[in-house]
Protein backbone atom coordinates (compact mmCIF):
# COMPACT_ATOMS: atom_id res chain seq x y z
CA MET A 1 -19.42 -27.53 13.58
CA GLN A 2 -20.96 -23.90 13.27
CA GLU A 3 -19.40 -21.83 11.61
CA GLY A 4 -18.88 -19.56 14.42
CA THR A 5 -17.00 -21.97 16.50
CA LEU A 6 -14.95 -23.10 13.81
CA LEU A 7 -13.77 -19.09 12.41
CA ARG A 8 -13.17 -19.39 16.65
CA GLU A 9 -10.71 -22.38 16.65
CA LEU A 10 -9.06 -21.00 13.20
CA HIS A 11 -8.16 -17.84 15.12
CA HIS A 12 -7.37 -19.75 18.21
CA ARG A 13 -4.85 -21.74 16.03
CA VAL A 14 -3.44 -18.60 14.61
CA SER A 15 -2.95 -16.71 17.96
CA ASN A 16 -0.83 -19.56 18.90
CA GLY A 17 1.11 -19.93 16.16
CA VAL A 18 2.07 -16.50 16.17
CA ASP A 19 2.60 -16.50 20.19
CA PHE A 20 5.13 -19.23 19.39
CA ALA A 21 6.83 -17.31 17.11
CA ILE A 22 7.10 -14.50 19.32
CA ASP A 23 8.82 -16.94 22.05
CA LEU A 24 11.17 -18.17 19.62
CA VAL A 25 12.25 -14.88 18.23
CA SER A 26 12.85 -13.75 21.66
CA ALA A 27 14.76 -16.24 23.11
CA ALA A 28 17.19 -16.12 20.24
CA ALA A 29 16.97 -12.09 20.76
CA ILE A 30 18.70 -13.25 24.52
CA ARG A 31 21.37 -16.00 22.81
CA VAL A 32 22.41 -13.94 19.97
CA GLU A 33 25.58 -11.81 20.24
CA GLY A 34 26.17 -8.32 18.94
CA ALA A 35 24.21 -5.16 20.07
CA GLU A 36 23.02 -4.79 16.48
CA ALA A 37 21.61 -8.42 15.89
CA LYS A 38 19.54 -8.12 19.33
CA CYS A 39 18.31 -4.56 18.26
CA ALA A 40 17.34 -6.29 15.02
CA LEU A 41 15.51 -8.93 16.51
CA SER A 42 13.19 -7.20 19.27
CA ASP A 43 12.27 -5.31 16.59
CA VAL A 44 10.65 -8.11 15.02
CA VAL A 45 9.77 -9.82 18.55
CA GLU A 46 7.92 -5.88 18.66
CA LEU A 47 5.89 -6.06 15.46
CA LEU A 48 5.07 -9.88 15.94
CA GLN A 49 3.37 -8.54 19.01
CA GLY A 50 1.85 -5.62 16.99
CA TYR A 51 0.17 -7.82 14.14
CA SER A 52 -1.04 -10.33 17.73
CA ASP A 53 -2.88 -7.50 18.80
CA VAL A 54 -4.49 -6.71 15.82
CA HIS A 55 -5.27 -10.60 15.30
CA ARG A 56 -7.16 -10.63 18.72
CA ALA A 57 -8.89 -7.61 18.24
CA LEU A 58 -9.92 -8.97 15.38
CA ALA A 59 -11.57 -11.68 16.77
CA MET A 60 -15.59 -12.08 16.65
CA PRO A 61 -17.13 -10.96 20.14
CA ALA A 62 -18.35 -14.19 22.04
CA GLY A 63 -22.08 -14.97 23.07
CA ASP A 64 -25.10 -12.75 22.08
CA THR A 65 -24.64 -9.50 24.12
CA LEU A 66 -24.26 -6.59 22.14
CA THR A 67 -20.99 -5.24 21.55
CA HIS A 68 -19.68 -1.62 22.32
CA ALA A 69 -18.66 -0.89 18.70
CA ALA A 70 -16.59 2.19 19.50
CA THR A 71 -14.78 -0.15 22.18
CA TYR A 72 -14.18 -2.69 19.89
CA VAL A 73 -12.62 -0.29 16.91
CA ARG A 74 -10.50 1.51 19.05
CA LYS A 75 -8.79 -1.24 20.55
CA LEU A 76 -8.24 -2.95 17.01
CA GLY A 77 -6.74 0.71 16.42
CA CYS A 78 -4.35 0.13 18.80
CA GLY A 79 -2.75 -2.78 17.41
CA MET A 80 -3.02 -1.53 13.85
CA ARG A 81 -0.50 1.24 15.68
CA ARG A 82 2.04 -1.05 16.97
CA ALA A 83 1.96 -2.99 14.27
CA VAL A 84 2.44 -0.29 11.40
CA LEU A 85 1.21 2.67 11.38
CA ASP A 86 3.70 4.26 14.08
CA ARG A 87 6.85 2.48 11.74
CA MET A 88 4.66 4.73 8.61
CA ASN A 89 4.82 7.97 10.44
CA ILE A 90 0.61 7.80 10.01
CA GLN A 91 -1.08 9.39 12.61
CA LEU A 92 -4.56 7.00 13.42
CA ALA A 93 -7.24 9.06 15.61
CA PHE A 94 -10.82 8.42 16.16
CA ALA A 95 -13.95 10.27 16.62
CA MET A 96 -16.80 8.08 18.00
CA GLN A 97 -20.39 8.07 18.59
CA SER A 98 -21.62 5.51 21.47
CA LEU A 99 -22.74 2.43 19.15
CA ALA A 100 -24.36 -1.13 20.28
CA LEU A 101 -23.81 -3.33 17.62
CA GLN A 102 -24.55 -7.40 17.43
CA PRO A 103 -21.43 -9.27 18.13
CA GLU A 104 -21.25 -10.66 14.65
CA ARG A 105 -22.25 -7.25 13.03
CA CYS A 106 -19.80 -5.57 15.28
CA TRP A 107 -17.19 -7.86 13.96
CA TYR A 108 -18.37 -6.74 10.30
CA LEU A 109 -17.85 -3.31 11.25
CA GLY A 110 -13.75 -4.11 12.75
CA LEU A 111 -13.11 -6.14 9.63
CA ILE A 112 -14.35 -3.23 7.33
CA VAL A 113 -12.60 -0.57 9.16
CA HIS A 114 -9.40 -2.63 9.30
CA GLU A 115 -9.62 -3.24 5.23
CA LEU A 116 -10.12 0.50 4.82
CA VAL A 117 -7.84 1.87 7.25
CA MET A 118 -4.79 -0.06 5.73
CA HIS A 119 -6.20 0.48 2.46
CA ALA A 120 -5.49 4.28 3.06
CA ALA A 121 -1.68 3.45 4.56
CA ARG A 122 -0.38 1.90 1.86
CA HIS A 123 -2.34 3.87 -1.24
CA ALA A 124 -2.55 7.67 0.05
CA CYS A 125 0.32 9.82 -0.82
CA PHE A 126 1.47 11.91 1.84
CA GLU A 127 4.37 13.42 -0.39
CA ALA A 128 7.13 13.65 2.69
CA ARG A 129 4.75 14.78 5.09
CA PRO A 130 3.08 13.12 8.64
CA GLY A 131 0.50 10.87 7.24
CA GLN A 132 -3.09 11.19 9.31
CA ILE A 133 -5.70 8.88 9.01
CA ARG A 134 -8.86 9.21 11.08
CA VAL A 135 -12.22 7.40 11.67
CA LYS A 136 -15.14 8.47 12.37
CA LEU A 137 -18.37 6.55 13.93
CA THR A 138 -21.74 8.12 14.06
CA ARG A 139 -25.12 7.22 14.32
CA THR A 140 -27.96 9.26 12.81
CA GLY A 141 -31.73 7.62 13.65
CA ALA A 142 -31.14 3.98 12.41
CA LEU A 143 -28.21 4.49 10.15
CA VAL A 144 -24.25 4.14 11.18
CA ASN A 145 -22.22 5.90 9.29
CA CYS A 146 -18.14 5.18 9.24
CA VAL A 147 -16.14 7.33 7.72
CA ILE A 148 -12.04 7.12 7.25
CA LEU A 149 -10.59 10.10 6.11
CA ASP A 150 -6.76 10.75 5.12
CA ASN A 151 -4.86 13.97 4.23
CA GLY A 152 -3.25 12.19 1.29
CA SER A 153 -3.27 11.82 -2.28
CA ARG A 154 -3.84 8.72 -4.78
CA PRO A 155 -2.29 8.63 -7.89
CA ALA A 156 -3.23 5.44 -8.69
CA ARG A 157 -6.31 5.34 -7.58
CA GLU A 158 -8.05 3.46 -10.03
CA ALA A 159 -5.52 0.45 -9.72
CA SER A 160 -5.61 0.44 -5.83
CA ASP A 161 -9.75 0.26 -5.47
CA ARG A 162 -9.60 -3.32 -6.57
CA GLU A 163 -8.47 -4.23 -3.42
CA LEU A 164 -12.10 -2.44 -1.82
CA ARG A 165 -13.89 -5.85 -2.92
CA ILE A 166 -13.53 -7.09 0.34
CA ALA A 167 -14.57 -4.72 2.31
CA ARG A 168 -17.17 -3.69 -0.16
CA ASP A 169 -18.24 -7.71 0.41
CA ILE A 170 -18.64 -7.15 3.49
CA ALA A 171 -20.54 -4.08 3.77
CA ARG A 172 -23.04 -5.83 1.76
CA ALA A 173 -23.51 -8.02 4.52
CA LEU A 174 -24.22 -5.45 6.83
CA GLY A 175 -27.08 -4.47 4.10
CA GLY A 176 -24.97 -1.16 3.82
CA ARG A 177 -22.54 -0.06 0.84
CA ILE A 178 -18.87 1.56 0.99
CA GLU A 179 -18.68 5.20 -1.23
CA GLN A 180 -15.36 7.34 -2.09
CA GLY A 181 -14.99 11.05 -2.47
CA LEU A 182 -11.62 13.20 -2.88
CA GLY A 183 -11.50 16.46 -1.56
CA THR A 184 -8.53 19.04 -2.36
CA GLU A 185 -7.00 18.46 1.12
CA PHE A 186 -8.01 14.57 2.13
CA THR A 187 -9.68 11.00 0.78
CA SER A 188 -12.62 10.06 2.13
CA ILE A 189 -13.91 6.35 2.28
CA VAL A 190 -17.61 5.87 3.85
CA LEU A 191 -19.18 3.00 5.61
CA SER A 192 -23.35 3.04 5.47
CA PHE A 193 -25.40 0.77 6.90
CA PRO A 194 -29.02 0.19 8.56
CA LEU A 195 -29.00 -0.71 11.99
CA THR A 196 -31.31 -3.56 13.21
CA GLU A 197 -34.64 -3.25 15.33
CA ARG A 198 -32.94 -5.23 18.22
CA GLU A 199 -29.66 -2.20 17.58
CA ARG A 200 -32.06 0.30 17.37
CA ASP A 201 -33.95 -0.27 20.41
CA ALA A 202 -30.74 -0.14 22.04
CA ASN A 203 -29.38 2.35 20.78
CA TRP A 204 -32.36 5.02 21.70
CA THR A 205 -32.22 3.82 25.03
CA ILE A 206 -28.50 4.63 25.24
CA ALA A 207 -29.10 8.22 23.80
CA THR A 208 -32.17 9.10 26.44
CA ARG A 209 -29.67 8.24 28.89
CA GLN A 210 -27.34 10.59 27.55
CA MET A 211 -29.65 13.22 27.12
CA ARG A 212 -31.12 13.08 30.84
CA ALA A 213 -27.14 13.51 32.10
CA PRO A 214 -26.13 16.40 33.87
CA ARG A 215 -24.54 18.99 31.95
CA ARG A 216 -20.79 18.99 30.85
CA THR A 217 -18.92 21.18 33.48
CA ARG A 218 -16.89 24.02 32.95
CA ALA A 219 -13.91 21.72 32.64
CA THR A 220 -15.19 19.86 29.82
CA ALA A 221 -16.43 23.13 27.87
CA SER A 222 -12.75 24.49 28.32
CA THR A 223 -11.63 21.54 26.68
CA ASP A 224 -13.49 21.75 23.32
CA THR A 225 -12.62 25.29 23.26
CA ALA A 226 -9.22 24.11 22.98
CA LEU A 227 -10.31 21.17 20.74
CA ALA A 228 -11.83 23.88 18.13
CA SER A 229 -9.09 26.04 18.22
CA ARG A 230 -6.78 22.68 17.04
CA ARG A 231 -9.13 21.99 14.50
CA SER A 232 -9.09 25.44 12.53
CA GLN A 233 -5.34 24.49 11.92
CA ASP A 234 -6.00 20.79 10.82
CA PRO A 235 -8.14 20.22 7.52
CA LEU A 236 -9.26 16.86 8.56
CA ALA A 237 -10.15 17.93 12.19
CA GLY A 238 -12.06 20.66 10.64
CA LEU A 239 -14.84 17.57 9.12
CA LEU A 240 -15.19 15.90 12.99
CA THR A 241 -17.44 18.21 15.24
CA LEU A 242 -17.10 18.55 18.33
CA SER A 243 -19.74 16.53 19.81
CA HIS A 244 -17.25 14.10 18.46
CA PRO A 245 -13.56 14.69 19.91
CA THR A 246 -10.96 13.31 17.89
CA VAL A 247 -8.47 11.52 20.14
CA ALA A 248 -5.95 9.07 19.22
CA PRO A 249 -6.66 5.32 20.50
């Protein structure tokens, strides 16, 4: 059996196991007496459904057709919000360029984003203020940069950085690397990797079509002005350019 087939079979079995657990807890929530018990079991069902969403989003795209990485990562973000981040009062937002990747490489990107976002959620010290994590995906020529920013500090950063070993290994499989940076009001982790020849050709075609598209309407320009005003009060959003607006998934 090929490795991809085995991975899909494992993914399918885990999905079925989580769905079975959701059904069991849902049935228990119906049968149990008492509002408090029902509320607790319903919360468990919602939590399991969130993790199920994350697991499904992390599935390797099937086939050999190039995958829209921004769509793939946004879907993953929705699952992470539902499963964990909303419960931790952490906002997750994205600024994404159109990017076409080969299915397996898009999957690698999703695995890294998931690991880095969860790493930030676990280890960033938000000091009782609402947490913010933002993911910026851009392409410059044949180089892709994916930046994960958060507005927290990391007093135990050295210890937590050991957990990035898996993400670094996956980055090497993409032919890339991961670097970290600290600012006065944010912490950043940057994944950089080169496109393959097939990906370069496809993304050049996408960029050419976008350049030939009609100019934006005044309404779109007004929206950008409003976004700029909001960014001026947000140290993280200021790092995200107007051409790649920040939106929640």
